[in-house]
Amino acid sequence: MSDRTPETTATPDSARASLEALRAEIAKAVVGQDSAVTGLVVALLCRGHVLLEGVPGVAKTLLVRALAASLELDTKRVQFTPDLMPSDVTGSLIYDARTAEFSFQPGPVFTNLLLADEINRTPPKTQSSLLEAMEERQVTVDGTPRLLPDPFLVAATQNPVEYEGTYPLPEAQLDRFLLKLTVPLPSRQDEINVLSRHANGFNPRDLKAAGIRPVAGLADLEAARAAVAKTAVSDEIAGYVVDICRATRESPSLSLGVSPRGATALLSTARAWAWLTGRDYVIPDDVKALALPTLRHRIQLRPEAEMEGITADSVITSVLAHVPVPR
């Protein structure tokens, strides 16, 4: 699926260099979204999923397509609508009149990168059809489990400003996402660069013409995951992660703090970030760097706190400022 075959071995150093090259490659199509690119790479390393939140037109879909092209992974897109059925996502049994038997027709979930566009516009029944796929990496139809390909990542998008006709994701499903990444509006200069590219013939539907090519493959991803798994975590760092998560449970602004699953997620993302930055051990700054995207969707504000203008990000930032940092 890339220039290297899956059997070809890659060293941790060559894998890190290949994944770092993703940023430059994706920048050929997407301008000014480095943090979102990094978050997607971290999710791939941790075998997690990503919730992308941003207003329409900030290149959320293009970002995922460019990542898939840079890694030469298979990608599919599902537009979530109120009438979408679970079988439209997972697949269904089709009766074949010639053989008088039912055969399984895979749905779009059988891919490497699934773009679940506007996931909060479909009812909970269809939203929940992704739960097994995200957690177990399989789909069960008619009692038969069917494994999904590896790597498998769900990148779901939602619009933060339009809630009419939407179905907010329940906490149980939000907790399945490793990261919640905000995709902001570009700066003035970045927006000028976007217009210049379009004026010069850039077509977001033709990534090959934009010059995007595979710069990393499955061998790089496998080597990187193995190296991340060996990244050292001291007892002090583990305690720091736990203290941060426990502090959210005691915050007067929150009705729901970070669960132990969230603590595990923060440790995983901090390890991936440490390895990406060239270290084989985790430091407190790694934990701080990934705290917001890893935890912001795992807490719930009290209504009175929302009325006062307090946000999830501000609560986490306050917690980071008050929890003692290990030396």
Protein backbone atom coordinates (compact mmCIF):
# COMPACT_ATOMS: atom_id res chain seq x y z
CA MET A 1 0.00 0.00 0.00
CA SER A 2 3.06 2.23 -0.10
CA ASP A 3 6.52 2.40 -1.60
CA ARG A 4 7.55 -0.09 1.07
CA THR A 5 5.73 -3.40 1.24
CA PRO A 6 4.28 -4.41 4.61
CA GLU A 7 7.01 -7.07 4.93
CA THR A 8 9.79 -4.50 4.61
CA THR A 9 11.20 -3.52 7.98
CA ALA A 10 11.63 0.10 9.03
CA THR A 11 13.77 1.43 11.85
CA PRO A 12 12.30 3.75 14.49
CA ASP A 13 14.44 6.63 13.17
CA SER A 14 13.37 6.14 9.56
CA ALA A 15 9.74 5.76 10.67
CA ARG A 16 9.93 9.03 12.63
CA ALA A 17 11.41 10.83 9.64
CA SER A 18 8.68 9.47 7.37
CA LEU A 19 5.90 10.54 9.72
CA GLU A 20 7.47 13.99 10.12
CA ALA A 21 7.40 14.28 6.32
CA LEU A 22 3.61 13.92 6.47
CA ARG A 23 3.30 17.49 7.72
CA ALA A 24 5.03 18.95 4.66
CA GLU A 25 3.16 16.64 2.30
CA ILE A 26 -0.30 17.45 3.69
CA ALA A 27 0.61 21.17 3.64
CA LYS A 28 0.53 20.93 -0.16
CA ALA A 29 -3.26 20.65 0.14
CA VAL A 30 -4.15 22.02 3.58
CA VAL A 31 -2.83 25.35 4.86
CA GLY A 32 -2.21 26.16 8.52
CA GLN A 33 -3.61 23.11 10.31
CA ASP A 34 -0.39 21.63 11.72
CA SER A 35 -1.88 20.82 15.12
CA ALA A 36 -4.74 18.84 13.55
CA VAL A 37 -2.26 16.93 11.35
CA THR A 38 -0.17 16.08 14.42
CA GLY A 39 -3.28 14.95 16.28
CA LEU A 40 -4.26 12.57 13.47
CA VAL A 41 -0.75 11.09 13.43
CA VAL A 42 -0.84 10.64 17.23
CA ALA A 43 -4.20 8.87 16.90
CA LEU A 44 -2.79 6.49 14.30
CA LEU A 45 0.17 5.69 16.57
CA CYS A 46 -2.16 5.04 19.51
CA ARG A 47 -4.77 3.13 17.48
CA GLY A 48 -7.33 5.75 18.47
CA HIS A 49 -10.06 7.80 16.82
CA VAL A 50 -10.49 11.53 16.33
CA LEU A 51 -13.38 13.95 16.59
CA LEU A 52 -12.77 17.02 14.40
CA GLU A 53 -14.78 20.09 15.35
CA GLY A 54 -14.88 23.20 13.19
CA VAL A 55 -17.23 25.39 11.19
CA PRO A 56 -17.99 24.34 7.59
CA GLY A 57 -15.31 25.17 5.04
CA VAL A 58 -12.11 24.80 7.13
CA ALA A 59 -10.88 21.74 5.19
CA LYS A 60 -11.76 19.00 7.69
CA THR A 61 -12.63 16.55 4.89
CA LEU A 62 -9.63 17.58 2.80
CA LEU A 63 -7.36 17.08 5.81
CA VAL A 64 -8.38 13.44 6.22
CA ARG A 65 -8.16 12.74 2.48
CA ALA A 66 -4.69 14.30 2.32
CA LEU A 67 -3.52 12.21 5.27
CA ALA A 68 -4.79 9.02 3.61
CA ALA A 69 -3.04 9.93 0.34
CA SER A 70 0.24 10.70 2.15
CA LEU A 71 0.14 7.30 3.84
CA GLU A 72 -1.44 5.55 0.83
CA LEU A 73 -4.24 4.20 2.97
CA ASP A 74 -7.74 3.34 1.85
CA THR A 75 -10.31 5.95 2.88
CA LYS A 76 -14.09 6.20 2.65
CA ARG A 77 -16.52 8.96 3.53
CA VAL A 78 -20.03 8.68 4.98
CA GLN A 79 -22.31 11.71 5.09
CA PHE A 80 -24.35 11.22 8.25
CA THR A 81 -28.00 12.24 7.80
CA PRO A 82 -31.19 11.71 9.85
CA ASP A 83 -32.32 8.83 7.59
CA LEU A 84 -28.99 6.95 7.58
CA MET A 85 -29.38 3.35 8.76
CA PRO A 86 -26.79 1.31 10.71
CA SER A 87 -26.46 -1.10 7.79
CA ASP A 88 -25.48 1.85 5.58
CA VAL A 89 -22.33 2.08 7.70
CA THR A 90 -21.51 -1.49 8.69
CA GLY A 91 -22.87 -3.45 5.72
CA SER A 92 -25.65 -6.00 5.39
CA LEU A 93 -26.60 -9.45 4.18
CA ILE A 94 -27.75 -9.56 0.55
CA TYR A 95 -29.82 -12.42 -0.85
CA ASP A 96 -28.39 -13.95 -4.01
CA ALA A 97 -31.21 -15.51 -6.03
CA ARG A 98 -28.76 -17.54 -8.14
CA THR A 99 -27.25 -19.37 -5.17
CA ALA A 100 -30.29 -19.05 -2.87
CA GLU A 101 -27.90 -17.86 -0.15
CA PHE A 102 -27.19 -14.69 1.76
CA SER A 103 -23.82 -13.02 1.27
CA PHE A 104 -22.30 -10.19 3.27
CA GLN A 105 -21.88 -6.86 1.49
CA PRO A 106 -19.29 -4.82 3.46
CA GLY A 107 -20.19 -1.22 4.32
CA PRO A 108 -17.89 1.79 4.15
CA VAL A 109 -16.60 1.06 7.68
CA PHE A 110 -14.33 -1.57 6.12
CA THR A 111 -11.52 0.84 5.33
CA ASN A 112 -8.39 2.29 6.93
CA LEU A 113 -9.61 5.87 7.44
CA LEU A 114 -13.35 6.36 7.78
CA LEU A 115 -14.53 9.97 7.54
CA ALA A 116 -17.80 10.20 9.43
CA ASP A 117 -18.99 13.58 8.22
CA GLU A 118 -21.35 15.47 10.57
CA ILE A 119 -21.76 12.48 12.86
CA ASN A 120 -24.14 14.41 15.14
CA ARG A 121 -26.75 14.69 12.35
CA THR A 122 -27.74 11.04 12.53
CA PRO A 123 -29.91 9.43 15.25
CA PRO A 124 -28.33 7.57 18.20
CA LYS A 125 -29.13 4.14 16.70
CA THR A 126 -26.88 4.82 13.72
CA GLN A 127 -24.27 6.62 15.84
CA SER A 128 -24.04 3.54 18.03
CA SER A 129 -23.37 1.33 15.01
CA LEU A 130 -19.84 2.69 15.13
CA LEU A 131 -19.25 1.77 18.78
CA GLU A 132 -18.30 -1.86 18.19
CA ALA A 133 -16.14 -0.92 15.21
CA MET A 134 -14.29 1.77 17.18
CA GLU A 135 -13.74 -0.29 20.33
CA GLU A 136 -13.45 -3.89 19.11
CA ARG A 137 -12.13 -3.27 15.59
CA GLN A 138 -14.81 -5.58 14.23
CA VAL A 139 -18.40 -5.54 12.96
CA THR A 140 -20.94 -8.19 13.93
CA VAL A 141 -23.71 -8.88 11.41
CA ASP A 142 -26.17 -11.75 11.90
CA GLY A 143 -24.07 -13.03 14.81
CA THR A 144 -20.86 -13.28 12.80
CA PRO A 145 -17.96 -10.97 13.79
CA ARG A 146 -15.93 -9.59 10.88
CA LEU A 147 -12.55 -8.01 11.54
CA LEU A 148 -11.77 -4.53 10.24
CA PRO A 149 -8.47 -3.76 8.51
CA ASP A 150 -5.47 -2.46 10.40
CA PRO A 151 -4.84 0.45 10.68
CA PHE A 152 -8.41 1.60 11.28
CA LEU A 153 -9.24 5.17 12.30
CA VAL A 154 -12.56 6.96 12.52
CA ALA A 155 -12.29 10.70 11.91
CA ALA A 156 -15.70 12.14 12.75
CA THR A 157 -16.61 15.78 12.14
CA GLN A 158 -19.18 18.01 13.75
CA ASN A 159 -20.21 21.63 13.40
CA PRO A 160 -19.89 23.57 16.71
CA VAL A 161 -22.28 26.40 15.83
CA GLU A 162 -25.37 24.75 14.36
CA TYR A 163 -27.31 22.43 16.65
CA GLU A 164 -30.80 22.48 15.10
CA GLY A 165 -31.71 19.00 13.92
CA THR A 166 -28.67 17.37 15.53
CA TYR A 167 -28.26 14.50 17.98
CA PRO A 168 -25.44 15.29 20.45
CA LEU A 169 -23.08 12.38 21.01
CA PRO A 170 -23.62 10.73 24.41
CA GLU A 171 -20.73 10.67 26.89
CA ALA A 172 -20.20 6.93 26.34
CA GLN A 173 -19.51 7.49 22.65
CA LEU A 174 -17.49 10.67 23.13
CA ASP A 175 -15.24 8.67 25.45
CA ARG A 176 -14.46 6.30 22.54
CA PHE A 177 -12.64 9.12 20.72
CA LEU A 178 -9.00 9.37 21.69
CA LEU A 179 -8.77 13.06 20.72
CA LYS A 180 -11.08 15.97 20.06
CA LEU A 181 -9.32 18.37 17.72
CA THR A 182 -10.58 21.86 17.02
CA VAL A 183 -10.04 23.02 13.44
CA PRO A 184 -9.95 26.84 13.60
CA LEU A 185 -10.47 29.41 10.91
CA PRO A 186 -7.19 30.22 9.16
CA SER A 187 -5.20 33.36 9.82
CA ARG A 188 -5.38 36.20 7.29
CA GLN A 189 -2.11 35.17 5.62
CA ASP A 190 -3.12 31.50 5.51
CA GLU A 191 -6.44 32.46 3.92
CA ILE A 192 -4.61 34.53 1.31
CA ASN A 193 -2.44 31.48 0.58
CA VAL A 194 -5.56 29.35 0.14
CA LEU A 195 -7.02 31.80 -2.38
CA SER A 196 -3.72 32.02 -4.24
CA ARG A 197 -3.59 28.25 -4.61
CA HIS A 198 -7.12 28.13 -5.97
CA ALA A 199 -6.34 31.00 -8.35
CA ASN A 200 -3.38 28.97 -9.63
CA GLY A 201 -5.55 25.96 -10.41
CA PHE A 202 -5.54 23.92 -7.19
CA ASN A 203 -8.36 21.36 -7.22
CA PRO A 204 -9.12 19.86 -3.77
CA ARG A 205 -10.75 16.87 -5.49
CA ASP A 206 -7.52 15.96 -7.30
CA LEU A 207 -4.78 15.44 -4.71
CA LYS A 208 -2.42 13.79 -7.19
CA ALA A 209 -2.41 16.95 -9.27
CA ALA A 210 -1.52 18.87 -6.10
CA GLY A 211 1.64 16.77 -5.89
CA ILE A 212 0.70 14.73 -2.82
CA ARG A 213 2.47 11.37 -2.82
CA PRO A 214 2.90 8.61 -0.24
CA VAL A 215 5.77 9.48 2.10
CA ALA A 216 5.14 6.78 4.72
CA GLY A 217 3.72 3.27 4.66
CA LEU A 218 2.48 0.43 6.82
CA ALA A 219 6.04 -0.63 7.72
CA ASP A 220 6.75 2.87 9.06
CA LEU A 221 3.52 2.86 11.07
CA GLU A 222 4.24 -0.57 12.55
CA ALA A 223 7.81 0.41 13.51
CA ALA A 224 6.56 3.67 15.01
CA ARG A 225 3.88 1.91 17.09
CA ALA A 226 6.45 -0.55 18.41
CA ALA A 227 8.79 2.30 19.36
CA VAL A 228 5.99 4.23 21.10
CA ALA A 229 5.14 1.12 23.12
CA LYS A 230 8.73 1.10 24.42
CA THR A 231 8.71 4.79 25.41
CA ALA A 232 9.51 4.87 29.13
CA VAL A 233 7.03 6.22 31.68
CA SER A 234 8.29 6.88 35.20
CA ASP A 235 6.15 6.42 38.31
CA GLU A 236 6.23 10.20 38.78
CA ILE A 237 4.77 10.80 35.30
CA ALA A 238 2.08 8.18 35.83
CA GLY A 239 1.20 9.87 39.13
CA TYR A 240 1.10 13.27 37.39
CA VAL A 241 -1.40 11.97 34.83
CA VAL A 242 -3.58 10.49 37.57
CA ASP A 243 -3.44 13.72 39.63
CA ILE A 244 -4.58 15.77 36.62
CA CYS A 245 -7.53 13.47 35.98
CA ARG A 246 -8.52 13.28 39.65
CA ALA A 247 -8.41 17.08 39.89
CA THR A 248 -11.06 17.34 37.16
CA ARG A 249 -13.38 15.14 39.25
CA GLU A 250 -13.08 17.63 42.11
CA SER A 251 -13.59 20.76 40.00
CA PRO A 252 -16.66 22.78 41.12
CA SER A 253 -17.28 23.72 37.47
CA LEU A 254 -17.77 20.12 36.34
CA SER A 255 -20.54 17.60 36.82
CA LEU A 256 -18.41 14.89 35.20
CA GLY A 257 -14.65 14.56 35.42
CA VAL A 258 -12.16 12.45 33.49
CA SER A 259 -12.57 8.68 33.88
CA PRO A 260 -9.71 6.17 34.30
CA ARG A 261 -10.08 5.47 30.57
CA GLY A 262 -9.27 9.13 29.98
CA ALA A 263 -6.16 8.85 32.15
CA THR A 264 -5.01 5.86 30.09
CA ALA A 265 -5.66 7.84 26.90
CA LEU A 266 -3.62 10.81 28.14
CA LEU A 267 -0.70 8.55 28.99
CA SER A 268 -0.87 6.96 25.51
CA THR A 269 -0.97 10.26 23.63
CA ALA A 270 1.84 11.71 25.76
CA ARG A 271 4.02 8.70 24.91
CA ALA A 272 3.32 9.11 21.20
CA TRP A 273 4.13 12.83 21.36
CA ALA A 274 7.35 12.15 23.28
CA TRP A 275 8.49 9.68 20.61
CA LEU A 276 7.54 12.02 17.76
CA THR A 277 9.66 14.76 19.32
CA GLY A 278 12.69 12.44 19.48
CA ARG A 279 12.69 11.10 23.04
CA ASP A 280 12.28 7.56 24.38
CA TYR A 281 10.84 8.76 27.69
CA VAL A 282 7.91 10.97 28.73
CA ILE A 283 8.33 14.33 30.47
CA PRO A 284 5.61 16.54 32.05
CA ASP A 285 5.58 18.85 29.01
CA ASP A 286 4.41 15.91 26.86
CA VAL A 287 1.45 15.40 29.17
CA LYS A 288 0.63 19.12 29.11
CA ALA A 289 0.90 19.26 25.30
CA LEU A 290 -1.77 16.57 24.80
CA ALA A 291 -4.01 17.30 27.81
CA LEU A 292 -6.47 19.59 26.01
CA PRO A 293 -7.21 17.46 22.91
CA THR A 294 -7.25 14.25 24.97
CA LEU A 295 -9.47 15.43 27.84
CA ARG A 296 -11.72 18.27 26.59
CA HIS A 297 -14.48 15.92 25.41
CA ARG A 298 -14.32 13.68 28.50
CA ILE A 299 -15.61 16.26 30.98
CA GLN A 300 -19.05 17.80 31.40
CA LEU A 301 -19.65 21.37 32.56
CA ARG A 302 -22.30 22.26 35.10
CA PRO A 303 -25.09 24.41 33.60
CA GLU A 304 -24.23 27.34 35.88
CA ALA A 305 -20.58 27.18 34.77
CA GLU A 306 -21.65 27.31 31.11
CA MET A 307 -23.80 30.36 31.85
CA GLU A 308 -20.74 32.06 33.32
CA GLY A 309 -18.80 31.46 30.09
CA ILE A 310 -16.53 28.76 31.47
CA THR A 311 -15.33 26.27 28.85
CA ALA A 312 -13.90 22.76 29.02
CA ASP A 313 -10.55 24.07 27.81
CA SER A 314 -10.41 26.74 30.51
CA VAL A 315 -11.12 24.16 33.24
CA ILE A 316 -8.35 21.85 31.99
CA THR A 317 -5.93 24.77 31.66
CA SER A 318 -6.70 25.76 35.26
CA VAL A 319 -6.13 22.18 36.44
CA LEU A 320 -2.76 22.05 34.67
CA ALA A 321 -1.77 25.29 36.37
CA HIS A 322 -2.58 24.00 39.86
CA VAL A 323 -1.52 20.33 39.84
CA PRO A 324 2.10 20.06 41.06
CA VAL A 325 4.56 19.12 38.30
CA PRO A 326 7.00 16.31 39.16
CA ARG A 327 10.67 17.27 39.12
